Amino acid sequence: MKLIIFIYALLLGSFYNVVGLRIPLKQSIVRPRSACPECGWALSIRELIPVLSFIIQKGKCRKCGKRISPIYPMIELLTASLFFFAYIKLGWSFELVVAWALISLLVIISISDFTYMLIPDKILLVFAGIFIILRVVQPLAPWWDSIIGATVAFLLLLIIAIVSKGGMGGGDIKLYTVIGFVLGLKPVLVAFFLANLIGTTYGLIGMTIGFFERKKPIPFGPFIAVGTLIVYFFDETILSWYISFF
């Protein structure tokens, strides 16, 4: 079962690459077939095997020989690893479905934000509908924590965006509203803190070594994803660690 989950998640990771790259451009996720971004060569089935095709072809297009971004297999492996970990952590439960949906959302928006600095409304709307259904079936305790979490997350980030005059993007605000609904009030606040901490540390290190230019925006979506997943899976551990200081 673990192997089956890992293999199917690899396939989903490949699909999420397509979704994250095409939706922001308002392209169909069904047609045309995946192709080499350099020469436009339509990829055959054997060239679309997650991770293996990249390794067999030595990271190059079979037609033109141009290098293929290693981000594609990395996303596939990351998705499979997260799905596998969620299964190990939660076992067969309805909350596992919530976890897999949350991972799916965060992987897709990370791809989109990293590539285009954009978190599409269409993706957020689709997953918002999914999470409403999931949280009706598997509500938080108490159930209204979802509503409070979403409301506070929206208002908090909206205030930050107004005060900072655009320092927080509209996509980030909407994304945190969805995350607040899934996690509830306390976890979403901790997730926001962690995302900022990780993002700030990454940005400072990047500017120090000359990887980033000062005052040049960097995509915040991947940091939101990391902070959210850490809190989702380890919220009790984090809370116990924090309380131990008092």
Protein backbone atom coordinates (compact mmCIF):
# COMPACT_ATOMS: atom_id res chain seq x y z
CA MET A 1 0.00 0.00 0.00
CA LYS A 2 2.83 2.40 0.82
CA LEU A 3 4.40 1.71 -2.57
CA ILE A 4 1.09 2.24 -4.36
CA ILE A 5 0.57 5.57 -2.57
CA PHE A 6 4.08 6.70 -3.47
CA ILE A 7 3.69 5.76 -7.16
CA TYR A 8 0.29 7.42 -7.52
CA ALA A 9 1.61 10.54 -5.75
CA LEU A 10 4.50 10.67 -8.23
CA LEU A 11 1.93 10.76 -11.04
CA LEU A 12 -0.02 13.47 -9.21
CA GLY A 13 3.19 15.46 -8.78
CA SER A 14 3.68 15.36 -12.54
CA PHE A 15 0.10 16.54 -13.03
CA TYR A 16 0.54 19.32 -10.45
CA ASN A 17 3.50 20.59 -12.46
CA VAL A 18 1.15 21.00 -15.42
CA VAL A 19 -1.56 22.68 -13.34
CA GLY A 20 0.84 25.09 -11.63
CA LEU A 21 2.45 26.12 -14.91
CA ARG A 22 -0.62 26.35 -17.14
CA ILE A 23 -3.43 27.78 -15.00
CA PRO A 24 -1.70 31.15 -14.44
CA LEU A 25 -1.38 31.46 -18.24
CA LYS A 26 -5.07 30.55 -18.63
CA GLN A 27 -4.19 27.45 -20.62
CA SER A 28 -5.96 24.10 -20.63
CA ILE A 29 -4.49 21.47 -18.32
CA VAL A 30 -5.64 18.76 -20.75
CA ARG A 31 -4.48 19.98 -24.15
CA PRO A 32 -2.03 20.29 -25.77
CA ARG A 33 0.15 17.44 -24.60
CA SER A 34 3.19 18.21 -22.48
CA ALA A 35 6.09 19.38 -24.62
CA CYS A 36 9.70 20.49 -24.40
CA PRO A 37 9.69 24.21 -23.44
CA GLU A 38 12.61 24.83 -25.81
CA CYS A 39 11.73 23.07 -29.09
CA GLY A 40 8.05 22.25 -28.55
CA TRP A 41 8.58 18.50 -29.02
CA ALA A 42 5.43 16.69 -27.83
CA LEU A 43 6.50 14.23 -25.17
CA SER A 44 5.66 10.56 -25.59
CA ILE A 45 4.45 8.33 -22.76
CA ARG A 46 7.94 6.99 -22.10
CA GLU A 47 9.19 10.57 -21.77
CA LEU A 48 6.54 11.36 -19.16
CA ILE A 49 7.37 8.72 -16.56
CA PRO A 50 7.85 10.69 -13.33
CA VAL A 51 11.51 11.01 -12.27
CA LEU A 52 12.65 7.96 -14.30
CA SER A 53 12.33 9.73 -17.67
CA PHE A 54 14.44 12.61 -16.35
CA ILE A 55 17.14 10.20 -15.14
CA ILE A 56 17.14 8.03 -18.28
CA GLN A 57 17.37 11.08 -20.55
CA LYS A 58 20.06 12.59 -18.30
CA GLY A 59 17.98 15.71 -17.77
CA LYS A 60 17.83 16.58 -21.47
CA CYS A 61 15.18 16.73 -24.18
CA ARG A 62 15.39 13.65 -26.42
CA LYS A 63 14.73 15.79 -29.51
CA CYS A 64 16.81 18.96 -29.12
CA GLY A 65 19.17 18.00 -26.32
CA LYS A 66 18.38 21.10 -24.26
CA ARG A 67 18.50 20.78 -20.48
CA ILE A 68 15.22 20.11 -18.66
CA SER A 69 14.70 21.91 -15.38
CA PRO A 70 15.33 19.60 -12.40
CA ILE A 71 12.38 21.31 -10.69
CA TYR A 72 10.00 18.91 -12.48
CA PRO A 73 11.31 15.68 -10.92
CA MET A 74 11.88 17.49 -7.62
CA ILE A 75 8.18 18.42 -7.45
CA GLU A 76 7.22 14.85 -8.32
CA LEU A 77 9.43 13.44 -5.56
CA LEU A 78 8.32 16.09 -3.08
CA THR A 79 4.63 15.35 -3.72
CA ALA A 80 5.18 11.60 -3.37
CA SER A 81 7.20 12.06 -0.17
CA LEU A 82 4.58 14.32 1.41
CA PHE A 83 1.70 11.99 0.50
CA PHE A 84 3.69 9.06 1.89
CA PHE A 85 4.52 10.92 5.10
CA ALA A 86 0.89 11.97 5.58
CA TYR A 87 -0.18 8.33 5.33
CA ILE A 88 2.46 7.26 7.86
CA LYS A 89 1.46 10.09 10.21
CA LEU A 90 -2.34 9.85 9.98
CA GLY A 91 -3.04 6.32 8.79
CA TRP A 92 -6.27 5.49 6.98
CA SER A 93 -8.58 8.22 8.24
CA PHE A 94 -10.72 10.94 6.73
CA GLU A 95 -8.21 13.51 7.96
CA LEU A 96 -5.74 11.88 5.58
CA VAL A 97 -7.95 13.09 2.72
CA VAL A 98 -7.77 16.61 4.17
CA ALA A 99 -3.99 16.32 4.43
CA TRP A 100 -3.62 15.14 0.84
CA ALA A 101 -5.86 17.95 -0.40
CA LEU A 102 -3.85 20.51 1.57
CA ILE A 103 -0.56 19.13 0.21
CA SER A 104 -1.97 19.27 -3.32
CA LEU A 105 -2.99 22.91 -2.95
CA LEU A 106 0.35 23.96 -1.48
CA VAL A 107 2.40 22.12 -4.12
CA ILE A 108 0.43 23.69 -6.97
CA ILE A 109 0.54 27.26 -5.63
CA SER A 110 4.26 26.90 -4.85
CA ILE A 111 4.93 26.02 -8.48
CA SER A 112 2.77 28.89 -9.71
CA ASP A 113 4.16 31.48 -7.32
CA PHE A 114 7.78 30.42 -7.83
CA THR A 115 7.41 30.58 -11.62
CA TYR A 116 5.13 33.57 -12.15
CA MET A 117 4.91 35.32 -8.73
CA LEU A 118 1.17 34.59 -8.94
CA ILE A 119 -1.34 32.55 -6.96
CA PRO A 120 -4.35 32.11 -9.29
CA ASP A 121 -7.86 32.69 -7.92
CA LYS A 122 -9.15 29.72 -9.92
CA ILE A 123 -6.96 27.29 -7.96
CA LEU A 124 -7.95 28.83 -4.63
CA LEU A 125 -11.66 28.73 -5.48
CA VAL A 126 -11.54 25.07 -6.47
CA PHE A 127 -9.74 24.07 -3.28
CA ALA A 128 -11.89 26.34 -1.12
CA GLY A 129 -14.92 24.36 -2.31
CA ILE A 130 -13.13 21.08 -1.63
CA PHE A 131 -12.15 22.12 1.89
CA ILE A 132 -15.63 23.33 2.76
CA ILE A 133 -16.96 19.87 1.94
CA LEU A 134 -14.11 18.13 3.78
CA ARG A 135 -14.48 20.24 6.92
CA VAL A 136 -18.22 19.59 6.98
CA VAL A 137 -17.51 15.86 7.04
CA GLN A 138 -14.42 16.16 9.28
CA PRO A 139 -14.87 19.39 11.29
CA LEU A 140 -12.38 20.94 13.66
CA ALA A 141 -13.12 20.92 17.37
CA PRO A 142 -14.97 23.19 17.87
CA TRP A 143 -16.39 23.36 14.35
CA TRP A 144 -16.52 27.18 14.28
CA ASP A 145 -12.72 27.33 14.64
CA SER A 146 -12.57 27.01 10.84
CA ILE A 147 -14.69 30.13 10.38
CA ILE A 148 -12.74 32.10 12.99
CA GLY A 149 -9.42 30.95 11.52
CA ALA A 150 -10.40 32.00 8.01
CA THR A 151 -11.79 35.36 9.16
CA VAL A 152 -8.81 36.31 11.33
CA ALA A 153 -6.31 35.20 8.67
CA PHE A 154 -8.06 37.32 6.04
CA LEU A 155 -8.30 40.43 8.24
CA LEU A 156 -4.75 40.12 9.57
CA LEU A 157 -3.15 39.86 6.16
CA LEU A 158 -5.43 42.53 4.73
CA ILE A 159 -4.30 44.95 7.46
CA ILE A 160 -0.65 44.05 6.79
CA ALA A 161 -1.15 44.63 3.06
CA ILE A 162 -2.72 48.05 3.68
CA VAL A 163 -0.13 49.16 6.24
CA SER A 164 2.80 47.91 4.15
CA LYS A 165 1.24 49.37 0.98
CA GLY A 166 1.35 46.18 -1.04
CA GLY A 167 3.91 44.25 0.97
CA MET A 168 1.48 41.33 1.06
CA GLY A 169 -0.08 40.21 -2.22
CA GLY A 170 -3.76 39.56 -2.76
CA GLY A 171 -3.05 35.92 -3.58
CA ASP A 172 -1.31 35.47 -0.23
CA ILE A 173 -4.30 36.95 1.59
CA LYS A 174 -6.75 34.62 -0.13
CA LEU A 175 -4.48 31.62 0.35
CA TYR A 176 -4.19 32.24 4.08
CA THR A 177 -7.96 32.57 4.28
CA VAL A 178 -8.27 29.05 2.86
CA ILE A 179 -5.49 27.77 5.14
CA GLY A 180 -7.16 29.40 8.15
CA PHE A 181 -10.34 27.52 7.34
CA VAL A 182 -8.46 24.22 7.21
CA LEU A 183 -6.25 24.71 10.27
CA GLY A 184 -8.26 26.93 12.60
CA LEU A 185 -7.20 30.07 14.47
CA LYS A 186 -4.14 29.16 16.55
CA PRO A 187 -2.44 26.93 13.97
CA VAL A 188 -2.84 29.46 11.13
CA LEU A 189 -1.26 32.20 13.27
CA VAL A 190 1.70 29.93 14.06
CA ALA A 191 1.93 28.96 10.38
CA PHE A 192 2.04 32.65 9.43
CA PHE A 193 4.81 33.29 11.96
CA LEU A 194 6.87 30.33 10.70
CA ALA A 195 6.42 31.30 7.04
CA ASN A 196 7.69 34.82 7.79
CA LEU A 197 10.59 33.50 9.87
CA ILE A 198 11.68 31.04 7.19
CA GLY A 199 11.14 33.53 4.36
CA THR A 200 13.04 36.31 6.13
CA THR A 201 15.96 34.01 6.97
CA TYR A 202 16.10 32.74 3.40
CA GLY A 203 15.94 36.28 2.02
CA LEU A 204 18.70 37.60 4.30
CA ILE A 205 21.00 34.70 3.46
CA GLY A 206 20.23 35.17 -0.24
CA MET A 207 21.09 38.88 -0.14
CA THR A 208 24.23 38.21 1.88
CA ILE A 209 25.62 35.82 -0.73
CA GLY A 210 24.38 37.98 -3.60
CA PHE A 211 21.69 35.55 -4.78
CA PHE A 212 18.92 38.16 -4.35
CA GLU A 213 18.85 41.87 -5.07
CA ARG A 214 17.79 44.17 -2.25
CA LYS A 215 14.14 45.30 -2.46
CA LYS A 216 13.46 42.77 -5.22
CA PRO A 217 10.35 40.72 -4.38
CA ILE A 218 10.64 36.97 -3.89
CA PRO A 219 7.77 34.47 -4.09
CA PHE A 220 6.23 33.96 -0.66
CA GLY A 221 4.03 30.99 -1.61
CA PRO A 222 6.68 28.29 -1.01
CA PHE A 223 7.36 29.66 2.48
CA ILE A 224 3.64 29.67 3.23
CA ALA A 225 3.56 26.03 2.15
CA VAL A 226 6.48 25.05 4.38
CA GLY A 227 5.13 26.90 7.43
CA THR A 228 1.64 25.48 6.94
CA LEU A 229 2.74 21.86 6.60
CA ILE A 230 5.05 22.08 9.61
CA VAL A 231 2.17 23.33 11.75
CA TYR A 232 -0.37 20.93 10.28
CA PHE A 233 1.69 17.85 11.11
CA PHE A 234 3.55 19.03 14.21
CA ASP A 235 1.27 21.57 15.91
CA GLU A 236 1.14 19.69 19.23
CA THR A 237 4.92 19.26 19.29
CA ILE A 238 5.45 22.96 18.55
CA LEU A 239 2.97 23.98 21.22
CA SER A 240 4.57 21.72 23.84
CA TRP A 241 8.02 23.07 22.95
CA TYR A 242 6.78 26.67 23.25
CA ILE A 243 5.08 26.06 26.61
CA SER A 244 8.28 24.49 27.97
CA PHE A 245 9.89 27.96 28.01
CA PHE A 246 7.40 29.25 30.58
